[in-house]
N, C-alpha and C. Protein backbone atom coordinates (compact mmCIF):
# COMPACT_ATOMS: atom_id res chain seq x y z
N MET A 1 178.32 147.14 68.45
CA MET A 1 179.65 146.54 68.42
C MET A 1 179.88 145.86 67.08
N LYS A 2 181.02 146.15 66.46
CA LYS A 2 181.35 145.53 65.19
C LYS A 2 181.76 144.07 65.40
N PRO A 3 181.35 143.19 64.46
CA PRO A 3 181.78 141.78 64.59
C PRO A 3 183.29 141.68 64.46
N GLN A 4 183.88 140.73 65.19
CA GLN A 4 185.33 140.55 65.16
C GLN A 4 185.78 140.08 63.78
N GLN A 5 186.79 140.74 63.25
CA GLN A 5 187.31 140.38 61.94
C GLN A 5 188.23 139.16 62.06
N THR A 6 188.01 138.20 61.19
CA THR A 6 188.89 137.03 61.16
C THR A 6 190.02 137.31 60.18
N SER A 7 191.25 137.14 60.65
CA SER A 7 192.39 137.42 59.78
C SER A 7 192.43 136.43 58.63
N LYS A 8 192.77 136.92 57.46
CA LYS A 8 192.83 136.08 56.28
C LYS A 8 194.15 135.32 56.23
N ILE A 9 194.11 134.18 55.58
CA ILE A 9 195.31 133.39 55.36
C ILE A 9 196.05 134.00 54.18
N LYS A 10 197.34 134.30 54.39
CA LYS A 10 198.13 134.98 53.36
C LYS A 10 198.80 133.95 52.44
N ILE A 11 198.63 134.17 51.15
CA ILE A 11 199.12 133.24 50.13
C ILE A 11 200.16 133.92 49.24
N ALA A 12 201.17 133.16 48.84
CA ALA A 12 202.11 133.59 47.80
C ALA A 12 202.08 132.55 46.69
N ILE A 13 202.21 132.99 45.45
CA ILE A 13 202.19 132.10 44.30
C ILE A 13 203.51 132.23 43.55
N VAL A 14 204.20 131.10 43.37
CA VAL A 14 205.50 131.09 42.69
C VAL A 14 205.41 130.16 41.49
N ASP A 15 205.39 130.75 40.29
CA ASP A 15 205.27 129.98 39.06
C ASP A 15 205.77 130.84 37.91
N ASP A 16 206.46 130.23 36.96
CA ASP A 16 207.03 131.02 35.88
C ASP A 16 206.04 131.30 34.75
N HIS A 17 204.82 130.81 34.84
CA HIS A 17 203.80 131.09 33.83
C HIS A 17 202.82 132.12 34.37
N ALA A 18 202.87 133.32 33.79
CA ALA A 18 202.05 134.44 34.28
C ALA A 18 200.56 134.13 34.19
N LEU A 19 200.14 133.47 33.11
CA LEU A 19 198.72 133.17 32.95
C LEU A 19 198.22 132.23 34.04
N PHE A 20 199.04 131.25 34.40
CA PHE A 20 198.65 130.32 35.46
C PHE A 20 198.57 131.05 36.80
N ARG A 21 199.54 131.93 37.06
CA ARG A 21 199.51 132.70 38.32
C ARG A 21 198.23 133.53 38.41
N LYS A 22 197.89 134.23 37.32
CA LYS A 22 196.70 135.08 37.33
C LYS A 22 195.45 134.24 37.52
N GLY A 23 195.43 133.04 36.92
CA GLY A 23 194.27 132.17 37.10
C GLY A 23 194.12 131.71 38.54
N LEU A 24 195.23 131.37 39.18
CA LEU A 24 195.19 130.99 40.59
C LEU A 24 194.70 132.13 41.47
N ILE A 25 195.20 133.32 41.19
CA ILE A 25 194.80 134.48 41.98
C ILE A 25 193.30 134.70 41.86
N ALA A 26 192.78 134.64 40.65
CA ALA A 26 191.34 134.84 40.44
C ALA A 26 190.53 133.76 41.17
N LEU A 27 191.03 132.53 41.12
CA LEU A 27 190.34 131.42 41.78
C LEU A 27 190.35 131.59 43.30
N ILE A 28 191.51 131.92 43.86
CA ILE A 28 191.63 132.08 45.31
C ILE A 28 190.76 133.23 45.80
N ASN A 29 190.65 134.28 45.01
CA ASN A 29 189.81 135.42 45.40
C ASN A 29 188.33 135.06 45.47
N MET A 30 187.96 133.93 44.90
CA MET A 30 186.56 133.48 44.93
C MET A 30 186.26 132.62 46.16
N PHE A 31 187.29 132.27 46.93
CA PHE A 31 187.11 131.35 48.05
C PHE A 31 186.59 132.05 49.30
N ASP A 32 185.40 132.60 49.23
CA ASP A 32 184.69 133.11 50.42
C ASP A 32 185.50 134.10 51.25
N ASN A 33 186.37 134.83 50.60
CA ASN A 33 187.12 135.88 51.31
C ASN A 33 187.97 135.34 52.45
N GLU A 34 188.35 134.07 52.38
CA GLU A 34 189.16 133.45 53.44
C GLU A 34 190.64 133.74 53.27
N TYR A 35 191.05 133.98 52.02
CA TYR A 35 192.48 134.09 51.70
C TYR A 35 192.77 135.41 51.00
N VAL A 36 194.02 135.82 51.09
CA VAL A 36 194.49 136.99 50.35
C VAL A 36 195.84 136.65 49.75
N VAL A 37 196.00 136.95 48.47
CA VAL A 37 197.28 136.71 47.80
C VAL A 37 198.19 137.89 48.09
N GLU A 38 199.23 137.64 48.87
CA GLU A 38 200.16 138.69 49.27
C GLU A 38 201.07 139.13 48.13
N PHE A 39 201.56 138.14 47.38
CA PHE A 39 202.40 138.46 46.22
C PHE A 39 202.50 137.26 45.30
N GLU A 40 202.97 137.52 44.09
CA GLU A 40 203.29 136.46 43.14
C GLU A 40 204.73 136.64 42.70
N ALA A 41 205.37 135.53 42.33
CA ALA A 41 206.77 135.58 41.89
C ALA A 41 206.95 134.66 40.69
N SER A 42 207.85 135.05 39.79
CA SER A 42 208.02 134.32 38.54
C SER A 42 209.05 133.20 38.63
N ASP A 43 209.86 133.19 39.69
CA ASP A 43 210.84 132.12 39.88
C ASP A 43 211.37 132.20 41.31
N GLY A 44 212.29 131.29 41.63
CA GLY A 44 212.81 131.23 42.99
C GLY A 44 213.56 132.49 43.41
N ARG A 45 214.30 133.08 42.49
CA ARG A 45 215.06 134.29 42.84
C ARG A 45 214.12 135.45 43.16
N ASP A 46 213.11 135.62 42.33
CA ASP A 46 212.11 136.67 42.56
C ASP A 46 211.40 136.41 43.89
N PHE A 47 211.10 135.14 44.17
CA PHE A 47 210.45 134.75 45.42
C PHE A 47 211.30 135.12 46.64
N GLN A 48 212.59 134.78 46.60
CA GLN A 48 213.48 135.09 47.71
C GLN A 48 213.57 136.60 47.95
N LYS A 49 213.63 137.35 46.87
CA LYS A 49 213.70 138.81 46.99
C LYS A 49 212.48 139.36 47.70
N LYS A 50 211.31 138.87 47.34
CA LYS A 50 210.08 139.37 47.95
C LYS A 50 209.94 138.90 49.40
N MET A 51 210.40 137.70 49.69
CA MET A 51 210.37 137.23 51.07
C MET A 51 211.29 138.07 51.95
N ARG A 52 212.45 138.41 51.44
CA ARG A 52 213.41 139.20 52.22
C ARG A 52 212.91 140.62 52.46
N SER A 53 211.96 141.05 51.65
CA SER A 53 211.41 142.41 51.84
C SER A 53 210.48 142.47 53.04
N GLY A 54 210.17 141.31 53.62
CA GLY A 54 209.34 141.28 54.82
C GLY A 54 207.90 140.90 54.57
N ILE A 55 207.55 140.56 53.32
CA ILE A 55 206.19 140.13 53.00
C ILE A 55 206.13 138.62 53.22
N LEU A 56 205.64 138.19 54.36
CA LEU A 56 205.68 136.77 54.71
C LEU A 56 204.30 136.13 54.60
N PRO A 57 204.13 135.17 53.70
CA PRO A 57 202.86 134.46 53.57
C PRO A 57 202.74 133.33 54.58
N ASP A 58 201.53 132.82 54.73
CA ASP A 58 201.32 131.62 55.54
C ASP A 58 201.54 130.36 54.71
N ILE A 59 201.11 130.42 53.45
CA ILE A 59 201.21 129.28 52.55
C ILE A 59 201.77 129.75 51.21
N VAL A 60 202.70 128.97 50.67
CA VAL A 60 203.25 129.25 49.34
C VAL A 60 202.78 128.16 48.39
N LEU A 61 202.13 128.57 47.29
CA LEU A 61 201.79 127.65 46.21
C LEU A 61 202.93 127.71 45.21
N MET A 62 203.66 126.61 45.03
CA MET A 62 204.90 126.66 44.28
C MET A 62 204.98 125.61 43.18
N ASP A 63 205.46 126.06 42.03
CA ASP A 63 205.77 125.16 40.93
C ASP A 63 207.16 124.57 41.16
N ILE A 64 207.53 123.56 40.38
CA ILE A 64 208.86 122.96 40.51
C ILE A 64 209.78 123.42 39.39
N ASN A 65 209.34 123.24 38.14
CA ASN A 65 210.17 123.62 36.99
C ASN A 65 210.11 125.13 36.78
N MET A 66 211.18 125.82 37.18
CA MET A 66 211.29 127.27 37.00
C MET A 66 212.73 127.60 36.63
N PRO A 67 212.94 128.66 35.85
CA PRO A 67 214.31 129.03 35.49
C PRO A 67 215.09 129.58 36.69
N ASP A 68 216.39 129.55 36.57
CA ASP A 68 217.30 130.13 37.56
C ASP A 68 217.29 129.34 38.87
N ILE A 69 216.32 129.59 39.73
CA ILE A 69 216.18 128.85 40.99
C ILE A 69 214.86 128.09 40.94
N ASP A 70 214.93 126.76 40.95
CA ASP A 70 213.72 125.95 40.78
C ASP A 70 213.02 125.69 42.11
N GLY A 71 211.98 124.86 42.06
CA GLY A 71 211.20 124.58 43.25
C GLY A 71 211.96 123.85 44.34
N PHE A 72 212.84 122.91 43.95
CA PHE A 72 213.61 122.19 44.95
C PHE A 72 214.49 123.14 45.76
N GLU A 73 215.24 123.98 45.05
CA GLU A 73 216.11 124.94 45.74
C GLU A 73 215.30 125.92 46.58
N SER A 74 214.15 126.33 46.06
CA SER A 74 213.31 127.30 46.77
C SER A 74 212.76 126.71 48.06
N VAL A 75 212.31 125.44 48.00
CA VAL A 75 211.79 124.79 49.21
C VAL A 75 212.90 124.62 50.24
N GLN A 76 214.08 124.22 49.79
CA GLN A 76 215.20 124.06 50.71
C GLN A 76 215.57 125.39 51.35
N TRP A 77 215.61 126.45 50.55
CA TRP A 77 215.91 127.79 51.07
C TRP A 77 214.86 128.23 52.09
N LEU A 78 213.60 127.97 51.78
CA LEU A 78 212.52 128.35 52.68
C LEU A 78 212.62 127.56 53.99
N LYS A 79 212.94 126.30 53.88
CA LYS A 79 213.08 125.45 55.07
C LYS A 79 214.17 125.97 56.00
N GLU A 80 215.25 126.47 55.41
CA GLU A 80 216.39 126.95 56.20
C GLU A 80 216.16 128.35 56.76
N ASN A 81 215.39 129.17 56.06
CA ASN A 81 215.24 130.57 56.45
C ASN A 81 213.88 130.94 57.03
N TYR A 82 212.82 130.29 56.56
CA TYR A 82 211.47 130.60 57.05
C TYR A 82 210.70 129.28 57.26
N PRO A 83 211.12 128.48 58.23
CA PRO A 83 210.53 127.14 58.40
C PRO A 83 209.05 127.14 58.77
N ALA A 84 208.53 128.25 59.27
CA ALA A 84 207.12 128.30 59.66
C ALA A 84 206.18 128.45 58.46
N VAL A 85 206.73 128.79 57.30
CA VAL A 85 205.90 128.99 56.11
C VAL A 85 205.64 127.63 55.45
N SER A 86 204.38 127.33 55.20
CA SER A 86 204.00 126.05 54.59
C SER A 86 204.07 126.13 53.07
N VAL A 87 204.50 125.03 52.44
CA VAL A 87 204.59 124.97 50.98
C VAL A 87 203.63 123.91 50.45
N LEU A 88 202.83 124.31 49.47
CA LEU A 88 201.95 123.39 48.77
C LEU A 88 202.38 123.39 47.31
N ILE A 89 202.90 122.26 46.85
CA ILE A 89 203.39 122.16 45.48
C ILE A 89 202.22 122.02 44.50
N ILE A 90 202.27 122.78 43.40
CA ILE A 90 201.31 122.61 42.30
C ILE A 90 202.14 122.48 41.03
N SER A 91 202.20 121.28 40.47
CA SER A 91 203.13 121.01 39.37
C SER A 91 202.52 120.06 38.35
N MET A 92 203.04 120.12 37.14
CA MET A 92 202.66 119.16 36.11
C MET A 92 203.41 117.84 36.29
N LEU A 93 204.46 117.85 37.09
CA LEU A 93 205.31 116.67 37.26
C LEU A 93 204.64 115.66 38.19
N GLU A 94 204.54 114.41 37.74
CA GLU A 94 203.90 113.37 38.53
C GLU A 94 204.81 112.17 38.76
N ARG A 95 206.10 112.32 38.51
CA ARG A 95 207.01 111.20 38.71
C ARG A 95 207.20 110.95 40.21
N GLU A 96 207.20 109.68 40.58
CA GLU A 96 207.25 109.32 42.00
C GLU A 96 208.49 109.87 42.69
N GLU A 97 209.66 109.79 42.03
CA GLU A 97 210.88 110.24 42.69
C GLU A 97 210.85 111.73 42.99
N ILE A 98 210.17 112.50 42.13
CA ILE A 98 210.06 113.94 42.35
C ILE A 98 209.13 114.21 43.54
N MET A 99 207.99 113.52 43.56
CA MET A 99 207.05 113.70 44.68
C MET A 99 207.71 113.34 46.01
N ILE A 100 208.41 112.19 46.03
CA ILE A 100 209.04 111.74 47.26
C ILE A 100 210.11 112.73 47.72
N ARG A 101 210.89 113.23 46.77
CA ARG A 101 211.93 114.20 47.12
C ARG A 101 211.33 115.45 47.76
N MET A 102 210.23 115.93 47.18
CA MET A 102 209.57 117.11 47.73
C MET A 102 208.97 116.82 49.11
N LEU A 103 208.33 115.68 49.25
CA LEU A 103 207.73 115.33 50.55
C LEU A 103 208.80 115.21 51.63
N LYS A 104 209.95 114.67 51.26
CA LYS A 104 211.03 114.53 52.24
C LYS A 104 211.66 115.88 52.57
N LEU A 105 211.50 116.86 51.70
CA LEU A 105 211.95 118.22 52.00
C LEU A 105 210.99 118.94 52.95
N GLY A 106 209.82 118.34 53.17
CA GLY A 106 208.89 118.89 54.15
C GLY A 106 207.74 119.69 53.59
N VAL A 107 207.44 119.57 52.28
CA VAL A 107 206.28 120.30 51.76
C VAL A 107 205.02 119.73 52.39
N ARG A 108 204.00 120.57 52.48
CA ARG A 108 202.78 120.17 53.20
C ARG A 108 201.71 119.55 52.30
N GLY A 109 202.02 119.44 51.02
CA GLY A 109 201.09 118.81 50.10
C GLY A 109 201.62 118.89 48.69
N TYR A 110 201.07 118.05 47.82
CA TYR A 110 201.54 117.99 46.43
C TYR A 110 200.32 117.82 45.53
N LEU A 111 200.06 118.82 44.70
CA LEU A 111 198.93 118.80 43.79
C LEU A 111 199.42 118.88 42.36
N THR A 112 198.64 118.35 41.44
CA THR A 112 198.95 118.50 40.03
C THR A 112 198.10 119.63 39.45
N LYS A 113 198.56 120.19 38.35
CA LYS A 113 197.91 121.39 37.80
C LYS A 113 196.56 121.13 37.16
N ASP A 114 196.17 119.86 37.05
CA ASP A 114 194.86 119.56 36.48
C ASP A 114 193.80 119.32 37.56
N ILE A 115 194.08 119.73 38.79
CA ILE A 115 193.12 119.54 39.89
C ILE A 115 191.88 120.40 39.68
N ASP A 116 190.78 119.95 40.30
CA ASP A 116 189.56 120.75 40.32
C ASP A 116 189.72 121.89 41.31
N PRO A 117 189.05 123.02 41.05
CA PRO A 117 189.11 124.15 42.00
C PRO A 117 188.74 123.76 43.43
N GLU A 118 187.77 122.85 43.58
CA GLU A 118 187.34 122.46 44.92
C GLU A 118 188.44 121.73 45.67
N GLU A 119 189.28 120.98 44.94
CA GLU A 119 190.37 120.28 45.62
C GLU A 119 191.42 121.28 46.11
N LEU A 120 191.63 122.35 45.34
CA LEU A 120 192.56 123.39 45.80
C LEU A 120 192.04 124.03 47.08
N ARG A 121 190.75 124.33 47.11
CA ARG A 121 190.17 124.90 48.33
C ARG A 121 190.32 123.93 49.50
N LYS A 122 190.05 122.66 49.25
CA LYS A 122 190.18 121.63 50.29
C LYS A 122 191.61 121.54 50.79
N ALA A 123 192.56 121.62 49.86
CA ALA A 123 193.97 121.54 50.24
C ALA A 123 194.38 122.73 51.09
N LEU A 124 193.96 123.93 50.70
CA LEU A 124 194.30 125.14 51.47
C LEU A 124 193.69 125.07 52.87
N THR A 125 192.45 124.60 52.96
CA THR A 125 191.80 124.47 54.26
C THR A 125 192.54 123.46 55.14
N ALA A 126 192.93 122.33 54.55
CA ALA A 126 193.63 121.29 55.31
C ALA A 126 194.99 121.78 55.80
N VAL A 127 195.74 122.45 54.93
CA VAL A 127 197.05 122.96 55.34
C VAL A 127 196.89 124.00 56.46
N THR A 128 195.86 124.83 56.35
CA THR A 128 195.61 125.85 57.37
C THR A 128 195.23 125.24 58.71
N LYS A 129 194.35 124.24 58.69
CA LYS A 129 193.81 123.70 59.94
C LYS A 129 194.60 122.50 60.48
N GLN A 130 195.12 121.66 59.58
CA GLN A 130 195.80 120.44 60.03
C GLN A 130 197.30 120.49 59.82
N GLY A 131 197.75 121.40 58.97
CA GLY A 131 199.18 121.52 58.72
C GLY A 131 199.67 120.76 57.51
N TYR A 132 198.79 120.00 56.85
CA TYR A 132 199.22 119.22 55.69
C TYR A 132 198.01 118.82 54.86
N TYR A 133 198.24 118.45 53.60
CA TYR A 133 197.20 117.87 52.75
C TYR A 133 197.86 116.83 51.87
N TYR A 134 197.77 115.57 52.28
CA TYR A 134 198.32 114.48 51.50
C TYR A 134 197.18 113.59 51.03
N THR A 135 197.01 113.49 49.73
CA THR A 135 196.00 112.59 49.19
C THR A 135 196.41 111.15 49.42
N ASP A 136 195.45 110.23 49.28
CA ASP A 136 195.76 108.81 49.42
C ASP A 136 196.84 108.40 48.43
N PHE A 137 196.79 108.98 47.23
CA PHE A 137 197.77 108.68 46.19
C PHE A 137 199.17 109.05 46.65
N ILE A 138 199.33 110.25 47.20
CA ILE A 138 200.63 110.72 47.65
C ILE A 138 201.10 109.94 48.87
N THR A 139 200.21 109.70 49.82
CA THR A 139 200.57 108.95 51.02
C THR A 139 201.03 107.54 50.65
N GLY A 140 200.33 106.93 49.69
CA GLY A 140 200.72 105.60 49.24
C GLY A 140 202.12 105.58 48.65
N LYS A 141 202.47 106.62 47.91
CA LYS A 141 203.81 106.70 47.33
C LYS A 141 204.86 106.87 48.42
N LEU A 142 204.54 107.67 49.44
CA LEU A 142 205.50 107.89 50.52
C LEU A 142 205.70 106.61 51.33
N ILE A 143 204.62 105.89 51.60
CA ILE A 143 204.74 104.61 52.31
C ILE A 143 205.57 103.64 51.49
N HIS A 144 205.32 103.59 50.18
CA HIS A 144 206.09 102.71 49.30
C HIS A 144 207.57 103.05 49.36
N SER A 145 207.88 104.34 49.37
CA SER A 145 209.27 104.78 49.42
C SER A 145 209.93 104.36 50.72
N ILE A 146 209.20 104.50 51.83
CA ILE A 146 209.76 104.13 53.14
C ILE A 146 210.04 102.63 53.19
N ILE A 147 209.08 101.83 52.70
CA ILE A 147 209.27 100.38 52.68
C ILE A 147 210.47 100.01 51.83
N GLN A 148 210.59 100.66 50.68
CA GLN A 148 211.69 100.39 49.77
C GLN A 148 213.02 100.78 50.40
N ASP A 149 213.07 101.95 51.06
CA ASP A 149 214.29 102.40 51.73
C ASP A 149 214.70 101.42 52.82
N ASN A 150 213.71 100.93 53.57
CA ASN A 150 214.01 99.98 54.65
C ASN A 150 214.55 98.67 54.10
N THR A 151 214.00 98.23 52.98
CA THR A 151 214.46 96.98 52.36
C THR A 151 215.91 97.12 51.90
N ILE A 152 216.22 98.25 51.27
CA ILE A 152 217.58 98.50 50.81
C ILE A 152 218.54 98.58 51.98
N ALA A 153 218.08 99.18 53.08
CA ALA A 153 218.94 99.36 54.25
C ALA A 153 219.12 98.07 55.04
N GLY A 154 218.34 97.06 54.72
CA GLY A 154 218.54 95.78 55.39
C GLY A 154 217.39 95.37 56.26
N GLY A 155 216.20 95.96 56.02
CA GLY A 155 215.01 95.48 56.71
C GLY A 155 214.46 96.49 57.71
N HIS A 156 213.81 95.97 58.71
CA HIS A 156 213.05 96.75 59.68
C HIS A 156 213.96 97.65 60.53
N ILE A 157 213.52 98.89 60.73
CA ILE A 157 214.24 99.82 61.59
C ILE A 157 213.64 99.76 62.99
N PRO A 158 214.42 99.44 64.01
CA PRO A 158 213.85 99.32 65.36
C PRO A 158 213.29 100.64 65.85
N ALA A 159 212.14 100.54 66.50
CA ALA A 159 211.48 101.75 67.00
C ALA A 159 212.10 102.19 68.32
N PRO A 160 212.18 103.52 68.54
CA PRO A 160 212.65 104.01 69.84
C PRO A 160 211.68 103.57 70.95
N LYS A 161 212.15 103.61 72.16
CA LYS A 161 211.32 103.23 73.31
C LYS A 161 210.23 104.26 73.51
N LEU A 162 208.98 103.80 73.46
CA LEU A 162 207.84 104.69 73.67
C LEU A 162 207.09 104.27 74.92
N THR A 163 206.54 105.25 75.63
CA THR A 163 205.71 104.93 76.79
C THR A 163 204.35 104.45 76.30
N ASP A 164 203.58 103.84 77.19
CA ASP A 164 202.25 103.36 76.82
C ASP A 164 201.36 104.52 76.38
N ARG A 165 201.48 105.66 77.05
CA ARG A 165 200.66 106.81 76.69
C ARG A 165 201.08 107.38 75.33
N GLU A 166 202.36 107.36 75.04
CA GLU A 166 202.83 107.80 73.74
C GLU A 166 202.31 106.89 72.64
N LYS A 167 202.29 105.60 72.90
CA LYS A 167 201.76 104.65 71.91
C LYS A 167 200.27 104.87 71.70
N GLU A 168 199.55 105.13 72.80
CA GLU A 168 198.12 105.39 72.71
C GLU A 168 197.87 106.64 71.87
N PHE A 169 198.64 107.70 72.15
CA PHE A 169 198.49 108.94 71.38
C PHE A 169 198.81 108.70 69.91
N LEU A 170 199.85 107.93 69.64
CA LEU A 170 200.28 107.68 68.26
C LEU A 170 199.18 106.96 67.48
N LYS A 171 198.49 106.03 68.12
CA LYS A 171 197.40 105.33 67.44
C LYS A 171 196.25 106.28 67.13
N PHE A 172 195.93 107.16 68.08
CA PHE A 172 194.88 108.16 67.83
C PHE A 172 195.31 109.13 66.72
N ALA A 173 196.60 109.42 66.65
CA ALA A 173 197.11 110.34 65.62
C ALA A 173 196.93 109.78 64.22
N CYS A 174 196.75 108.48 64.12
CA CYS A 174 196.54 107.84 62.82
C CYS A 174 195.07 107.88 62.38
N THR A 175 194.22 108.45 63.20
CA THR A 175 192.80 108.57 62.87
C THR A 175 192.51 109.98 62.37
N GLU A 176 191.24 110.26 62.10
CA GLU A 176 190.84 111.59 61.65
C GLU A 176 190.46 112.50 62.82
N LEU A 177 190.66 112.05 64.04
CA LEU A 177 190.35 112.89 65.20
C LEU A 177 191.24 114.12 65.25
N THR A 178 190.69 115.24 65.68
CA THR A 178 191.50 116.43 65.89
C THR A 178 192.30 116.24 67.17
N TYR A 179 193.30 117.10 67.39
CA TYR A 179 194.09 117.00 68.63
C TYR A 179 193.21 117.23 69.86
N LYS A 180 192.22 118.12 69.74
CA LYS A 180 191.32 118.36 70.87
C LYS A 180 190.49 117.11 71.17
N GLN A 181 190.02 116.44 70.12
CA GLN A 181 189.25 115.21 70.32
C GLN A 181 190.12 114.10 70.90
N ILE A 182 191.39 114.05 70.48
CA ILE A 182 192.31 113.08 71.07
C ILE A 182 192.49 113.36 72.56
N ALA A 183 192.60 114.64 72.91
CA ALA A 183 192.73 115.02 74.32
C ALA A 183 191.53 114.52 75.12
N ASP A 184 190.33 114.67 74.56
CA ASP A 184 189.11 114.20 75.24
C ASP A 184 189.12 112.69 75.40
N LYS A 185 189.56 111.98 74.35
CA LYS A 185 189.60 110.52 74.40
C LYS A 185 190.59 110.02 75.46
N MET A 186 191.69 110.75 75.62
CA MET A 186 192.73 110.32 76.56
C MET A 186 192.56 110.96 77.93
N PHE A 187 191.49 111.77 78.10
CA PHE A 187 191.22 112.46 79.36
C PHE A 187 192.40 113.33 79.79
N LEU A 188 192.95 114.05 78.82
CA LEU A 188 194.08 114.94 79.05
C LEU A 188 193.75 116.33 78.51
N SER A 189 194.53 117.30 78.92
CA SER A 189 194.32 118.66 78.41
C SER A 189 194.94 118.78 77.01
N PRO A 190 194.42 119.68 76.19
CA PRO A 190 195.03 119.91 74.87
C PRO A 190 196.51 120.27 74.97
N LYS A 191 196.89 120.98 76.04
CA LYS A 191 198.29 121.35 76.21
C LYS A 191 199.17 120.11 76.42
N THR A 192 198.65 119.15 77.18
CA THR A 192 199.40 117.91 77.40
C THR A 192 199.54 117.12 76.11
N ILE A 193 198.47 117.11 75.32
CA ILE A 193 198.51 116.43 74.02
C ILE A 193 199.54 117.09 73.12
N ASP A 194 199.60 118.41 73.14
CA ASP A 194 200.63 119.11 72.37
C ASP A 194 202.02 118.67 72.80
N GLY A 195 202.17 118.44 74.09
CA GLY A 195 203.46 117.98 74.62
C GLY A 195 203.83 116.60 74.09
N TYR A 196 202.84 115.67 74.08
CA TYR A 196 203.07 114.34 73.52
C TYR A 196 203.46 114.44 72.04
N ARG A 197 202.72 115.27 71.31
CA ARG A 197 202.99 115.43 69.87
C ARG A 197 204.41 115.94 69.62
N ASP A 198 204.78 117.01 70.33
CA ASP A 198 206.10 117.60 70.12
C ASP A 198 207.22 116.64 70.53
N ALA A 199 206.98 115.88 71.62
CA ALA A 199 207.98 114.92 72.06
C ALA A 199 208.17 113.81 71.02
N LEU A 200 207.06 113.37 70.43
CA LEU A 200 207.15 112.32 69.41
C LEU A 200 207.75 112.85 68.12
N PHE A 201 207.48 114.11 67.78
CA PHE A 201 208.13 114.71 66.62
C PHE A 201 209.64 114.58 66.76
N GLU A 202 210.13 114.90 67.96
CA GLU A 202 211.58 114.87 68.19
C GLU A 202 212.10 113.43 68.29
N LYS A 203 211.38 112.59 69.02
CA LYS A 203 211.83 111.22 69.25
C LYS A 203 211.83 110.39 67.96
N LEU A 204 210.82 110.64 67.10
CA LEU A 204 210.67 109.84 65.88
C LEU A 204 211.18 110.57 64.65
N ASN A 205 211.77 111.74 64.87
CA ASN A 205 212.30 112.54 63.76
C ASN A 205 211.23 112.78 62.70
N ALA A 206 210.04 113.15 63.16
CA ALA A 206 208.91 113.44 62.27
C ALA A 206 208.66 114.94 62.25
N LYS A 207 208.07 115.42 61.16
CA LYS A 207 207.83 116.85 61.02
C LYS A 207 206.34 117.20 60.93
N SER A 208 205.49 116.19 60.89
CA SER A 208 204.06 116.44 60.76
C SER A 208 203.28 115.26 61.31
N ARG A 209 201.97 115.44 61.44
CA ARG A 209 201.12 114.34 61.91
C ARG A 209 201.16 113.17 60.93
N THR A 210 201.25 113.48 59.65
CA THR A 210 201.38 112.42 58.65
C THR A 210 202.66 111.63 58.88
N GLY A 211 203.74 112.31 59.25
CA GLY A 211 204.99 111.63 59.55
C GLY A 211 204.83 110.66 60.71
N LEU A 212 204.08 111.07 61.74
CA LEU A 212 203.82 110.17 62.87
C LEU A 212 203.03 108.95 62.42
N ALA A 213 202.00 109.19 61.58
CA ALA A 213 201.16 108.09 61.11
C ALA A 213 201.97 107.11 60.27
N LEU A 214 202.81 107.64 59.40
CA LEU A 214 203.63 106.77 58.55
C LEU A 214 204.62 105.96 59.39
N TYR A 215 205.15 106.58 60.44
CA TYR A 215 206.07 105.85 61.33
C TYR A 215 205.34 104.69 62.01
N ALA A 216 204.10 104.97 62.48
CA ALA A 216 203.34 103.94 63.16
C ALA A 216 203.02 102.78 62.20
N ILE A 217 202.67 103.10 60.95
CA ILE A 217 202.38 102.06 59.95
C ILE A 217 203.64 101.25 59.65
N ARG A 218 204.76 101.97 59.45
CA ARG A 218 206.02 101.32 59.10
C ARG A 218 206.47 100.33 60.17
N ASN A 219 206.19 100.65 61.44
CA ASN A 219 206.64 99.82 62.54
C ASN A 219 205.57 98.89 63.09
N GLY A 220 204.48 98.73 62.33
CA GLY A 220 203.47 97.75 62.69
C GLY A 220 202.63 98.11 63.89
N MET A 221 202.60 99.40 64.27
CA MET A 221 201.83 99.80 65.44
C MET A 221 200.34 99.94 65.11
N VAL A 222 200.05 100.24 63.85
CA VAL A 222 198.66 100.26 63.37
C VAL A 222 198.69 99.59 62.00
N SER A 223 197.52 99.16 61.54
CA SER A 223 197.44 98.53 60.23
C SER A 223 196.55 99.37 59.32
N LEU A 224 196.80 99.29 58.03
CA LEU A 224 196.01 100.04 57.05
C LEU A 224 194.65 99.39 56.86
């Protein structure tokens, strides 16, 4: 009997620098055969054309500064048309307002182009398994932005009514436990935990586990 083949994670690379794209492809091909680069695109317009052809990646590695259609427009377009596709930004831009804008658009991580190869592998693994990769640096900027927004808006935003079990789940969601481990801790099935997660996503207007954690921190439910 042949061993069961594990499907590879499909990657797309969107960057206007051909040399950088080729370097990423070569690097990803070295990652233990876990990933396959489905296509590369030189800008947002080229990216949209290839996506419409039916070649759908799991993760898009995307630059921000590109001619014609840039990273912001591309992420917004992807969010509206292919919301299941995860975006991991790789950019030279490190300005806080740019990072925050991208994070609020729903990207699953933000890396700079001077990262080590191992961090790229770590980021791809995290996005694949957890749905996001936010470094402490990025998370700190997002928390700072939320605090600043709340101050401008006039202070603390009241939290929606949560059940005791929802609060318990939310606190566990702020740890490094997997959803299965949270289910074991709460003596519930993984399916029930998925239900709590999805309900809180809707109730708290969050799009990821990091969003839940940031909400809990912002409202004093857990402390850093």
